Amino acid sequence: MIDFCLRSVYICIKGETMKMLVEIADNKAASFKELIKQHSYVKAKTISEPNAAILEEIMHIKKAFKNLEKVKAGKLKTRPASELLNEL
């Protein structure tokens, strides 16, 4: 049983393409926001749990496409689907 809720914060560091999705316990969210405000190069906004889940899914899909590109380039090995199904 979870005894606290998590709040998702989307962080974008200016001038870079780095973005982070951070999960923070509700009882620590206020202090985390204060910590982030101390840095002028960080922009953060709170997002809803459903939106955080969507962002995570998008990241997984992007990773799958990158892996597909690696497979096509011969940099990543694959195995037949039948082999995978046999493991189940």
N, C-alpha and C. Protein backbone atom coordinates (compact mmCIF):
# COMPACT_ATOMS: atom_id res chain seq x y z
N MET A 1 0.84 -1.20 0.00
CA MET A 1 0.00 0.00 0.00
C MET A 1 0.87 1.25 0.00
N ILE A 2 0.55 2.20 -0.85
CA ILE A 2 1.30 3.45 -0.93
C ILE A 2 0.72 4.43 0.08
N ASP A 3 1.59 5.00 0.91
CA ASP A 3 1.11 5.91 1.94
C ASP A 3 1.29 7.38 1.57
N PHE A 4 1.70 7.65 0.33
CA PHE A 4 1.79 9.02 -0.14
C PHE A 4 1.53 9.06 -1.63
N CYS A 5 1.18 10.23 -2.12
CA CYS A 5 0.92 10.40 -3.55
C CYS A 5 2.17 10.96 -4.22
N LEU A 6 2.28 10.73 -5.49
CA LEU A 6 3.39 11.29 -6.24
C LEU A 6 2.89 12.39 -7.15
N ARG A 7 3.67 13.42 -7.26
CA ARG A 7 3.35 14.54 -8.13
C ARG A 7 4.40 14.55 -9.23
N SER A 8 3.99 14.67 -10.45
CA SER A 8 4.94 14.69 -11.57
C SER A 8 5.28 16.12 -11.93
N VAL A 9 6.55 16.36 -12.15
CA VAL A 9 7.04 17.67 -12.53
C VAL A 9 7.82 17.51 -13.83
N TYR A 10 7.50 18.31 -14.80
CA TYR A 10 8.18 18.30 -16.10
C TYR A 10 9.20 19.41 -16.06
N ILE A 11 10.46 19.09 -16.25
CA ILE A 11 11.54 20.06 -16.12
C ILE A 11 12.22 20.25 -17.47
N CYS A 12 12.41 21.50 -17.85
CA CYS A 12 13.12 21.82 -19.10
C CYS A 12 14.27 22.75 -18.75
N ILE A 13 15.48 22.36 -19.11
CA ILE A 13 16.64 23.20 -18.85
C ILE A 13 16.89 24.05 -20.09
N LYS A 14 16.86 25.37 -19.91
CA LYS A 14 16.97 26.30 -21.03
C LYS A 14 18.29 26.13 -21.77
N GLY A 15 18.23 26.25 -23.08
CA GLY A 15 19.41 26.18 -23.91
C GLY A 15 19.83 24.75 -24.23
N GLU A 16 19.19 23.80 -23.68
CA GLU A 16 19.51 22.39 -23.92
C GLU A 16 18.23 21.69 -24.36
N THR A 17 18.37 20.50 -24.85
CA THR A 17 17.19 19.72 -25.22
C THR A 17 16.82 18.75 -24.11
N MET A 18 17.50 18.82 -22.98
CA MET A 18 17.24 17.90 -21.89
C MET A 18 15.92 18.21 -21.20
N LYS A 19 15.09 17.19 -21.11
CA LYS A 19 13.83 17.32 -20.40
C LYS A 19 13.71 16.11 -19.49
N MET A 20 13.12 16.33 -18.31
CA MET A 20 13.02 15.26 -17.34
C MET A 20 11.60 15.19 -16.80
N LEU A 21 11.18 14.00 -16.51
CA LEU A 21 9.90 13.79 -15.85
C LEU A 21 10.25 13.23 -14.48
N VAL A 22 9.94 13.98 -13.43
CA VAL A 22 10.35 13.63 -12.08
C VAL A 22 9.11 13.35 -11.25
N GLU A 23 9.11 12.25 -10.51
CA GLU A 23 8.01 11.95 -9.60
C GLU A 23 8.46 12.27 -8.19
N ILE A 24 7.66 13.07 -7.49
CA ILE A 24 8.01 13.55 -6.16
C ILE A 24 6.84 13.30 -5.22
N ALA A 25 7.15 12.84 -4.02
CA ALA A 25 6.11 12.65 -3.01
C ALA A 25 5.46 14.00 -2.72
N ASP A 26 4.14 14.01 -2.58
CA ASP A 26 3.42 15.26 -2.33
C ASP A 26 3.97 16.03 -1.14
N ASN A 27 4.39 15.31 -0.11
CA ASN A 27 4.86 16.01 1.09
C ASN A 27 6.24 16.64 0.88
N LYS A 28 6.90 16.36 -0.24
CA LYS A 28 8.19 16.97 -0.55
C LYS A 28 8.11 17.94 -1.73
N ALA A 29 6.96 18.05 -2.37
CA ALA A 29 6.81 18.84 -3.59
C ALA A 29 7.13 20.32 -3.37
N ALA A 30 6.66 20.89 -2.28
CA ALA A 30 6.87 22.32 -2.04
C ALA A 30 8.36 22.63 -1.91
N SER A 31 9.09 21.83 -1.15
CA SER A 31 10.52 22.09 -0.97
C SER A 31 11.28 21.87 -2.29
N PHE A 32 10.83 20.90 -3.09
CA PHE A 32 11.47 20.68 -4.38
C PHE A 32 11.24 21.88 -5.30
N LYS A 33 10.03 22.42 -5.31
CA LYS A 33 9.75 23.59 -6.14
C LYS A 33 10.61 24.78 -5.73
N GLU A 34 10.80 24.97 -4.42
CA GLU A 34 11.66 26.06 -3.94
C GLU A 34 13.10 25.86 -4.39
N LEU A 35 13.55 24.63 -4.35
CA LEU A 35 14.91 24.31 -4.79
C LEU A 35 15.08 24.64 -6.27
N ILE A 36 14.09 24.30 -7.07
CA ILE A 36 14.16 24.55 -8.53
C ILE A 36 14.12 26.06 -8.82
N LYS A 37 13.32 26.80 -8.07
CA LYS A 37 13.21 28.25 -8.31
C LYS A 37 14.53 28.97 -8.12
N GLN A 38 15.45 28.39 -7.37
CA GLN A 38 16.75 29.01 -7.11
C GLN A 38 17.65 29.01 -8.35
N HIS A 39 17.28 28.25 -9.35
CA HIS A 39 18.09 28.14 -10.56
C HIS A 39 17.34 28.76 -11.74
N SER A 40 17.87 29.88 -12.22
CA SER A 40 17.20 30.62 -13.30
C SER A 40 17.19 29.85 -14.62
N TYR A 41 18.06 28.89 -14.78
CA TYR A 41 18.15 28.14 -16.03
C TYR A 41 17.20 26.94 -16.09
N VAL A 42 16.41 26.75 -15.03
CA VAL A 42 15.47 25.62 -14.99
C VAL A 42 14.05 26.16 -15.01
N LYS A 43 13.24 25.60 -15.89
CA LYS A 43 11.83 25.94 -15.98
C LYS A 43 11.05 24.67 -15.67
N ALA A 44 10.13 24.73 -14.71
CA ALA A 44 9.39 23.52 -14.32
C ALA A 44 7.91 23.85 -14.20
N LYS A 45 7.10 22.86 -14.53
CA LYS A 45 5.67 23.01 -14.33
C LYS A 45 5.10 21.66 -13.91
N THR A 46 4.12 21.70 -13.05
CA THR A 46 3.47 20.49 -12.58
C THR A 46 2.49 20.01 -13.63
N ILE A 47 2.48 18.71 -13.88
CA ILE A 47 1.53 18.14 -14.84
C ILE A 47 0.70 17.07 -14.14
N SER A 48 -0.44 16.80 -14.70
CA SER A 48 -1.34 15.81 -14.11
C SER A 48 -0.78 14.40 -14.31
N GLU A 49 -1.22 13.48 -13.50
CA GLU A 49 -0.78 12.10 -13.60
C GLU A 49 -1.10 11.48 -14.97
N PRO A 50 -2.32 11.72 -15.51
CA PRO A 50 -2.59 11.18 -16.86
C PRO A 50 -1.64 11.74 -17.92
N ASN A 51 -1.32 13.03 -17.84
CA ASN A 51 -0.39 13.62 -18.81
C ASN A 51 1.02 13.06 -18.62
N ALA A 52 1.41 12.81 -17.38
CA ALA A 52 2.72 12.21 -17.12
C ALA A 52 2.78 10.81 -17.73
N ALA A 53 1.71 10.06 -17.61
CA ALA A 53 1.66 8.71 -18.19
C ALA A 53 1.76 8.78 -19.71
N ILE A 54 1.10 9.76 -20.31
CA ILE A 54 1.17 9.93 -21.77
C ILE A 54 2.60 10.26 -22.20
N LEU A 55 3.26 11.15 -21.47
CA LEU A 55 4.65 11.49 -21.79
C LEU A 55 5.56 10.27 -21.70
N GLU A 56 5.35 9.45 -20.68
CA GLU A 56 6.15 8.24 -20.53
C GLU A 56 5.92 7.28 -21.70
N GLU A 57 4.67 7.15 -22.12
CA GLU A 57 4.37 6.28 -23.26
C GLU A 57 5.03 6.80 -24.53
N ILE A 58 5.00 8.10 -24.71
CA ILE A 58 5.64 8.70 -25.88
C ILE A 58 7.14 8.41 -25.86
N MET A 59 7.76 8.50 -24.69
CA MET A 59 9.19 8.21 -24.58
C MET A 59 9.47 6.76 -24.96
N HIS A 60 8.60 5.83 -24.53
CA HIS A 60 8.78 4.42 -24.87
C HIS A 60 8.63 4.20 -26.37
N ILE A 61 7.68 4.88 -26.98
CA ILE A 61 7.47 4.75 -28.43
C ILE A 61 8.68 5.30 -29.19
N LYS A 62 9.20 6.45 -28.74
CA LYS A 62 10.39 7.02 -29.38
C LYS A 62 11.56 6.06 -29.29
N LYS A 63 11.73 5.43 -28.14
CA LYS A 63 12.82 4.47 -27.96
C LYS A 63 12.63 3.28 -28.90
N ALA A 64 11.40 2.83 -29.06
CA ALA A 64 11.12 1.70 -29.97
C ALA A 64 11.50 2.06 -31.40
N PHE A 65 11.18 3.27 -31.84
CA PHE A 65 11.54 3.70 -33.19
C PHE A 65 13.06 3.81 -33.36
N LYS A 66 13.74 4.29 -32.31
CA LYS A 66 15.21 4.36 -32.38
C LYS A 66 15.80 2.96 -32.49
N ASN A 67 15.22 2.01 -31.73
CA ASN A 67 15.68 0.63 -31.82
C ASN A 67 15.43 0.05 -33.20
N LEU A 68 14.30 0.38 -33.79
CA LEU A 68 13.99 -0.08 -35.14
C LEU A 68 15.01 0.46 -36.15
N GLU A 69 15.38 1.72 -35.99
CA GLU A 69 16.41 2.30 -36.87
C GLU A 69 17.73 1.56 -36.70
N LYS A 70 18.08 1.18 -35.46
CA LYS A 70 19.31 0.43 -35.22
C LYS A 70 19.24 -0.95 -35.86
N VAL A 71 18.07 -1.58 -35.81
CA VAL A 71 17.90 -2.89 -36.43
C VAL A 71 18.10 -2.76 -37.94
N LYS A 72 17.48 -1.77 -38.55
CA LYS A 72 17.61 -1.57 -39.99
C LYS A 72 19.04 -1.27 -40.40
N ALA A 73 19.79 -0.60 -39.51
CA ALA A 73 21.19 -0.27 -39.80
C ALA A 73 22.12 -1.44 -39.46
N GLY A 74 21.58 -2.51 -38.90
CA GLY A 74 22.39 -3.66 -38.55
C GLY A 74 23.16 -3.52 -37.25
N LYS A 75 22.81 -2.53 -36.45
CA LYS A 75 23.50 -2.28 -35.18
C LYS A 75 22.85 -2.98 -34.00
N LEU A 76 21.68 -3.56 -34.21
CA LEU A 76 20.96 -4.24 -33.14
C LEU A 76 20.41 -5.54 -33.71
N LYS A 77 20.64 -6.62 -32.99
CA LYS A 77 20.18 -7.92 -33.47
C LYS A 77 18.74 -8.17 -33.02
N THR A 78 18.03 -8.93 -33.82
CA THR A 78 16.65 -9.29 -33.49
C THR A 78 16.55 -10.81 -33.38
N ARG A 79 15.38 -11.26 -32.99
CA ARG A 79 15.10 -12.70 -32.98
C ARG A 79 13.67 -12.90 -33.46
N PRO A 80 13.38 -14.07 -33.96
CA PRO A 80 12.04 -14.32 -34.49
C PRO A 80 10.96 -14.21 -33.40
N ALA A 81 9.78 -13.74 -33.79
CA ALA A 81 8.67 -13.62 -32.85
C ALA A 81 8.28 -14.98 -32.29
N SER A 82 8.40 -16.03 -33.10
CA SER A 82 8.04 -17.38 -32.63
C SER A 82 8.92 -17.79 -31.45
N GLU A 83 10.18 -17.37 -31.45
CA GLU A 83 11.08 -17.69 -30.34
C GLU A 83 10.61 -16.99 -29.06
N LEU A 84 10.20 -15.76 -29.21
CA LEU A 84 9.68 -15.00 -28.07
C LEU A 84 8.40 -15.63 -27.53
N LEU A 85 7.50 -16.02 -28.42
CA LEU A 85 6.24 -16.64 -28.00
C LEU A 85 6.47 -17.98 -27.31
N ASN A 86 7.47 -18.71 -27.75
CA ASN A 86 7.79 -20.00 -27.12
C ASN A 86 8.26 -19.82 -25.68
N GLU A 87 8.86 -18.68 -25.38
CA GLU A 87 9.29 -18.41 -24.01
C GLU A 87 8.11 -18.17 -23.07
N LEU A 88 7.01 -17.72 -23.62
CA LEU A 88 5.84 -17.44 -22.80
C LEU A 88 5.18 -18.74 -22.45
